[in-house]
Amino acid sequence: MLLDKLLEILQPVGYQTIIQNIKKIVKSAIEDFIQDKPMFSIEDFTIYEYDDYLMNTNITNQNVYRIFVRINQNNNIKQNVASTLITQSGEVKQIKNKVPELFMGLQKIKKALLEQLRYYFDETTIFEEQKYGIKIQGKDILEDGIIQPYYIMIIPCIEYHEKDHAGIMYYDDSKIDVQIEYHEDCLKNFIDKYQATNGLFYQYIILLKHVFNITEKERMLPYEIFETLLYNVPNECYIDLSKDTALKIIHYLSHCDLGKMTGLDGLDYVFTSKYRSMSYLYAKKVIKTIGENLKMLNF
């Protein structure tokens, strides 16, 4: 049945083993990097991933799996120095920098990791330094000779706290494009939404990814955009798994205010935020494309 095909996920063989092996390599690369830096120890770094729920709704080989290198050492963060601003009326204001000053910045750590990581992979592995991290495109040869491609993003970051919420912060070279994520909140809200909709939230993520890719040629999907859109659909809209309900969900998304949508963390408006990079225009394209493709299908 077509519906069964539209609910299939891709679970690359041995992918978790690949992830664990790369985490070990990253740890070794950090140890190499800090050998001549006595102010650091390996305990000052936490290497972790949290995107497993994205892999559990994965439909394409091109998904990028993220590994975070979080710097925990408080001594690496300089005391924030407030800037002084004098307004036209003569009022003096103190403005805190939104990005903390580090003794060893994220960009320096990123470049050093890139240099060290090259020693651990063969010449077929492709490295790309991006604005937030290091993208690794490689392949793993399985026991039966099948080649398993993988795409990994390694992102240096620091801890970030907002009231009772613990998150991370990372940014580009300019320190203007700042990203803040609250992974624990995302995971909790994903599970809560799953349970509140009797699993339909999860199934519609997979369904709409497939429907979108009917005309998008199995392209790399925008990170977390389907999860975000469907998270903001009211629970009562998840009636059943059918074309009629899918069209009603798309109708809702087509007429709601995207600017007021929160991310999975529930804390920020992701399409109008200073601290997230989700594209408003691309979200509109995703919704329109899914709507057009759904009308062609019968299931």
Protein backbone atom coordinates (compact mmCIF):
# COMPACT_ATOMS: atom_id res chain seq x y z
CA MET A 1 0.00 0.00 0.00
CA LEU A 2 1.10 3.56 -0.71
CA LEU A 3 0.53 4.64 2.89
CA ASP A 4 2.92 1.94 4.10
CA LYS A 5 5.60 3.27 1.73
CA LEU A 6 5.00 6.81 2.96
CA LEU A 7 5.59 5.70 6.56
CA GLU A 8 8.87 3.90 5.91
CA ILE A 9 11.96 5.23 7.64
CA LEU A 10 15.58 4.73 6.72
CA GLN A 11 17.69 3.23 9.49
CA PRO A 12 21.23 3.05 8.13
CA VAL A 13 22.92 -0.18 9.18
CA GLY A 14 25.59 0.41 11.80
CA TYR A 15 24.95 4.14 12.02
CA GLN A 16 25.03 4.20 15.81
CA THR A 17 28.36 2.37 15.70
CA ILE A 18 29.65 5.01 13.29
CA ILE A 19 28.50 7.78 15.65
CA GLN A 20 30.13 6.17 18.67
CA ASN A 21 33.38 5.64 16.79
CA ILE A 22 33.46 9.26 15.64
CA LYS A 23 32.79 10.45 19.20
CA LYS A 24 35.85 8.46 20.31
CA ILE A 25 37.89 10.04 17.50
CA VAL A 26 36.71 13.51 18.51
CA LYS A 27 37.78 12.81 22.08
CA SER A 28 41.22 11.72 20.87
CA ALA A 29 41.49 14.84 18.70
CA ILE A 30 40.68 17.03 21.73
CA GLU A 31 43.30 15.22 23.80
CA ASP A 32 45.86 15.92 21.05
CA PHE A 33 44.77 19.55 20.91
CA ILE A 34 45.07 20.21 24.66
CA GLN A 35 48.40 18.43 25.21
CA ASP A 36 50.24 21.76 25.43
CA LYS A 37 47.39 23.57 27.19
CA PRO A 38 47.66 22.79 30.92
CA MET A 39 44.63 24.92 31.72
CA PHE A 40 42.45 22.23 30.12
CA SER A 41 41.76 18.58 30.82
CA ILE A 42 39.56 16.20 28.83
CA GLU A 43 36.99 16.44 31.65
CA ASP A 44 36.40 20.06 30.60
CA PHE A 45 34.71 18.83 27.43
CA THR A 46 31.46 16.93 26.97
CA ILE A 47 30.92 15.15 23.65
CA TYR A 48 27.31 14.22 23.02
CA GLU A 49 24.54 13.94 20.45
CA TYR A 50 20.81 14.37 20.88
CA ASP A 51 19.36 14.14 17.37
CA ASP A 52 18.28 10.51 17.72
CA TYR A 53 14.59 11.43 17.38
CA LEU A 54 15.44 12.98 14.00
CA MET A 55 17.14 9.77 12.91
CA ASN A 56 14.04 7.88 13.99
CA THR A 57 12.05 9.89 11.43
CA ASN A 58 14.79 9.76 8.81
CA ILE A 59 13.87 9.03 5.18
CA THR A 60 17.06 10.02 3.37
CA ASN A 61 20.71 8.97 3.40
CA GLN A 62 21.72 12.62 3.38
CA ASN A 63 20.61 13.57 6.88
CA VAL A 64 23.33 15.33 8.84
CA TYR A 65 23.81 13.98 12.35
CA ARG A 66 25.21 16.48 14.83
CA ILE A 67 27.83 15.86 17.51
CA PHE A 68 28.34 18.66 20.03
CA VAL A 69 31.61 19.43 21.77
CA ARG A 70 30.55 21.41 24.83
CA ILE A 71 33.15 23.30 26.84
CA ASN A 72 32.29 23.05 30.51
CA GLN A 73 35.24 24.88 32.07
CA ASN A 74 33.98 28.10 33.61
CA ASN A 75 37.53 29.46 33.69
CA ASN A 76 37.45 29.61 29.89
CA ILE A 77 34.74 32.31 30.00
CA LYS A 78 35.96 35.83 30.64
CA GLN A 79 33.94 38.18 32.78
CA ASN A 80 31.37 39.85 30.52
CA VAL A 81 32.30 43.49 30.04
CA ALA A 82 29.30 45.72 29.48
CA SER A 83 29.46 48.31 26.72
CA THR A 84 28.50 51.88 27.55
CA LEU A 85 25.99 53.62 25.29
CA ILE A 86 25.11 57.31 25.60
CA THR A 87 21.78 58.11 23.96
CA GLN A 88 20.91 61.37 22.19
CA SER A 89 19.11 62.51 25.34
CA GLY A 90 22.30 62.01 27.35
CA GLU A 91 21.10 58.86 29.11
CA VAL A 92 23.86 56.38 29.89
CA LYS A 93 23.02 52.70 29.30
CA GLN A 94 25.05 49.58 30.02
CA ILE A 95 24.66 46.93 27.31
CA LYS A 96 25.86 43.38 27.94
CA ASN A 97 27.49 41.53 25.09
CA LYS A 98 25.24 38.71 23.89
CA VAL A 99 28.23 36.43 23.26
CA PRO A 100 30.57 35.80 26.20
CA GLU A 101 34.26 36.44 25.69
CA LEU A 102 36.35 33.28 25.87
CA PHE A 103 40.03 32.86 26.59
CA MET A 104 39.93 30.17 23.92
CA GLY A 105 37.13 30.92 21.46
CA LEU A 106 34.85 28.44 19.73
CA GLN A 107 36.24 29.32 16.31
CA LYS A 108 39.82 28.62 17.44
CA ILE A 109 38.72 25.28 18.87
CA LYS A 110 36.83 24.48 15.66
CA LYS A 111 39.88 25.15 13.47
CA ALA A 112 42.15 23.18 15.79
CA LEU A 113 39.77 20.21 15.80
CA LEU A 114 39.57 20.29 12.02
CA GLU A 115 43.35 20.12 11.80
CA GLN A 116 43.58 17.25 14.30
CA LEU A 117 40.67 15.23 12.87
CA ARG A 118 42.29 14.93 9.44
CA TYR A 119 44.88 12.55 10.94
CA TYR A 120 42.18 10.04 11.92
CA PHE A 121 40.47 9.54 8.54
CA ASP A 122 41.58 8.33 5.11
CA GLU A 123 41.79 10.41 1.94
CA THR A 124 38.23 9.52 0.87
CA THR A 125 36.75 11.49 3.77
CA ILE A 126 35.66 15.03 2.91
CA PHE A 127 36.01 17.78 5.52
CA GLU A 128 34.27 21.13 5.24
CA GLU A 129 34.63 23.99 7.71
CA GLN A 130 31.25 25.66 8.07
CA LYS A 131 30.09 28.70 10.03
CA TYR A 132 29.26 26.78 13.21
CA GLY A 133 31.25 23.58 12.94
CA ILE A 134 32.97 20.90 10.88
CA LYS A 135 31.05 18.79 8.38
CA ILE A 136 32.43 15.32 7.72
CA GLN A 137 31.26 13.31 4.74
CA GLY A 138 32.57 9.79 4.83
CA LYS A 139 31.74 6.16 4.21
CA ASP A 140 31.85 2.97 6.21
CA ILE A 141 32.26 -0.44 4.58
CA LEU A 142 29.98 -3.00 6.21
CA GLU A 143 30.75 -6.71 6.64
CA ASP A 144 28.84 -7.66 3.50
CA GLY A 145 30.76 -5.12 1.43
CA ILE A 146 27.94 -2.56 1.32
CA ILE A 147 29.17 1.03 1.51
CA GLN A 148 27.32 3.07 4.14
CA PRO A 149 27.66 6.85 3.62
CA TYR A 150 27.41 9.19 6.58
CA TYR A 151 27.22 12.93 7.20
CA ILE A 152 28.37 14.29 10.55
CA MET A 153 28.48 17.87 11.85
CA ILE A 154 30.78 18.54 14.81
CA ILE A 155 29.81 21.75 16.63
CA PRO A 156 31.86 23.35 19.44
CA CYS A 157 29.56 25.10 21.92
CA ILE A 158 29.33 26.44 25.45
CA GLU A 159 26.73 26.08 28.17
CA TYR A 160 23.92 28.61 28.20
CA HIS A 161 21.28 29.13 30.90
CA GLU A 162 18.04 31.08 30.70
CA LYS A 163 16.21 31.08 34.03
CA ASP A 164 15.46 27.39 34.71
CA HIS A 165 16.38 26.18 31.24
CA ALA A 166 19.80 24.71 30.44
CA GLY A 167 20.96 24.95 26.85
CA ILE A 168 23.93 25.55 24.60
CA MET A 169 25.21 28.49 22.56
CA TYR A 170 27.32 28.48 19.40
CA TYR A 171 28.02 31.11 16.75
CA ASP A 172 29.92 32.05 13.61
CA ASP A 173 33.22 33.93 13.23
CA SER A 174 31.52 37.32 13.40
CA LYS A 175 29.77 36.45 16.71
CA ILE A 176 26.67 38.04 15.18
CA ASP A 177 24.88 34.90 14.02
CA VAL A 178 24.23 33.31 17.42
CA GLN A 179 22.42 30.01 17.86
CA ILE A 180 20.87 28.91 21.17
CA GLU A 181 19.31 25.48 21.64
CA TYR A 182 17.66 23.78 24.59
CA HIS A 183 18.05 20.08 23.89
CA GLU A 184 16.47 18.72 27.06
CA ASP A 185 13.34 20.80 26.47
CA CYS A 186 13.20 19.65 22.84
CA LEU A 187 13.35 15.98 23.79
CA LYS A 188 10.74 16.36 26.51
CA ASN A 189 8.32 18.25 24.26
CA PHE A 190 8.77 15.77 21.42
CA ILE A 191 7.81 12.90 23.73
CA ASP A 192 4.89 14.87 25.24
CA LYS A 193 3.52 15.71 21.77
CA TYR A 194 3.93 12.09 20.68
CA GLN A 195 1.93 10.87 23.66
CA ALA A 196 -0.74 13.58 23.41
CA THR A 197 -1.46 12.65 19.79
CA ASN A 198 -1.26 8.86 20.30
CA GLY A 199 1.81 8.72 18.09
CA LEU A 200 0.26 10.58 15.15
CA PHE A 201 2.68 13.50 15.55
CA TYR A 202 5.56 11.09 14.89
CA GLN A 203 3.80 9.41 11.96
CA TYR A 204 2.92 12.69 10.28
CA ILE A 205 6.54 13.83 10.46
CA ILE A 206 7.55 10.76 8.44
CA LEU A 207 4.55 11.01 6.11
CA LEU A 208 5.05 14.67 5.21
CA LYS A 209 8.79 14.24 4.70
CA HIS A 210 8.03 11.57 2.09
CA VAL A 211 5.29 13.66 0.49
CA PHE A 212 7.62 16.67 0.27
CA ASN A 213 10.36 14.59 -1.34
CA ILE A 214 8.10 13.31 -4.12
CA THR A 215 9.06 16.39 -6.14
CA GLU A 216 12.22 17.34 -4.28
CA LYS A 217 14.29 14.40 -5.60
CA GLU A 218 15.29 12.91 -2.24
CA ARG A 219 17.20 16.05 -1.34
CA MET A 220 18.72 16.77 2.05
CA LEU A 221 15.84 17.92 4.23
CA PRO A 222 15.93 21.21 6.15
CA TYR A 223 16.97 20.53 9.71
CA GLU A 224 14.06 20.05 12.14
CA ILE A 225 11.61 22.09 10.04
CA PHE A 226 8.99 19.33 9.73
CA GLU A 227 9.15 18.61 13.44
CA THR A 228 8.75 22.32 14.17
CA LEU A 229 5.78 22.87 11.87
CA LEU A 230 3.91 19.81 13.11
CA TYR A 231 4.71 20.53 16.76
CA ASN A 232 2.73 23.76 16.38
CA VAL A 233 -0.37 22.04 15.00
CA PRO A 234 -2.99 21.70 17.78
CA ASN A 235 -3.37 18.19 19.18
CA GLU A 236 -7.04 18.06 18.21
CA CYS A 237 -6.07 18.25 14.53
CA TYR A 238 -4.42 14.83 14.79
CA ILE A 239 -7.60 12.80 14.24
CA ASP A 240 -6.27 9.83 12.28
CA LEU A 241 -3.75 8.91 9.62
CA SER A 242 -5.51 9.77 6.37
CA LYS A 243 -5.27 12.03 3.36
CA ASP A 244 -8.22 14.07 4.63
CA THR A 245 -6.56 14.76 7.97
CA ALA A 246 -3.22 15.47 6.27
CA LEU A 247 -4.88 18.08 4.05
CA LYS A 248 -6.55 19.68 7.08
CA ILE A 249 -3.17 19.89 8.84
CA ILE A 250 -1.65 21.56 5.77
CA HIS A 251 -4.64 23.92 5.56
CA TYR A 252 -4.02 24.88 9.19
CA LEU A 253 -0.32 25.49 8.54
CA SER A 254 -1.11 27.52 5.41
CA HIS A 255 -3.29 29.96 7.35
CA CYS A 256 -1.57 30.24 10.73
CA ASP A 257 0.98 32.87 11.73
CA LEU A 258 4.40 31.27 11.27
CA GLY A 259 5.98 34.18 13.11
CA LYS A 260 4.37 32.96 16.34
CA MET A 261 5.54 29.37 16.03
CA THR A 262 7.90 28.11 18.71
CA GLY A 263 10.58 25.50 18.22
CA LEU A 264 10.42 22.11 19.88
CA ASP A 265 11.85 23.71 23.01
CA GLY A 266 8.72 25.87 23.29
CA LEU A 267 10.82 28.87 24.31
CA ASP A 268 11.48 30.89 21.18
CA TYR A 269 9.75 31.98 17.96
CA VAL A 270 11.98 30.14 15.51
CA PHE A 271 11.05 31.95 12.28
CA THR A 272 11.51 35.43 13.74
CA SER A 273 14.19 34.74 16.36
CA LYS A 274 17.61 36.33 16.57
CA TYR A 275 18.97 33.01 17.80
CA ARG A 276 17.68 30.45 15.31
CA SER A 277 18.23 30.11 11.58
CA MET A 278 14.98 28.58 10.34
CA SER A 279 13.87 30.23 7.13
CA TYR A 280 10.35 31.68 7.04
CA LEU A 281 10.34 31.54 3.22
CA TYR A 282 11.50 27.94 3.14
CA ALA A 283 8.81 26.97 5.63
CA LYS A 284 6.22 28.49 3.31
CA LYS A 285 7.70 26.51 0.40
CA VAL A 286 7.58 23.27 2.40
CA ILE A 287 3.91 23.79 3.26
CA LYS A 288 2.97 24.68 -0.33
CA THR A 289 4.91 21.77 -1.83
CA ILE A 290 3.38 19.24 0.56
CA GLY A 291 -0.12 20.58 -0.16
CA GLU A 292 0.36 20.27 -3.93
CA ASN A 293 1.88 16.79 -3.68
CA LEU A 294 -0.83 15.53 -1.32
CA LYS A 295 -3.54 16.39 -3.84
CA MET A 296 -1.90 14.03 -6.35
CA LEU A 297 -1.97 11.06 -3.98
CA ASN A 298 -4.64 8.57 -3.02
CA PHE A 299 -4.15 6.64 0.20
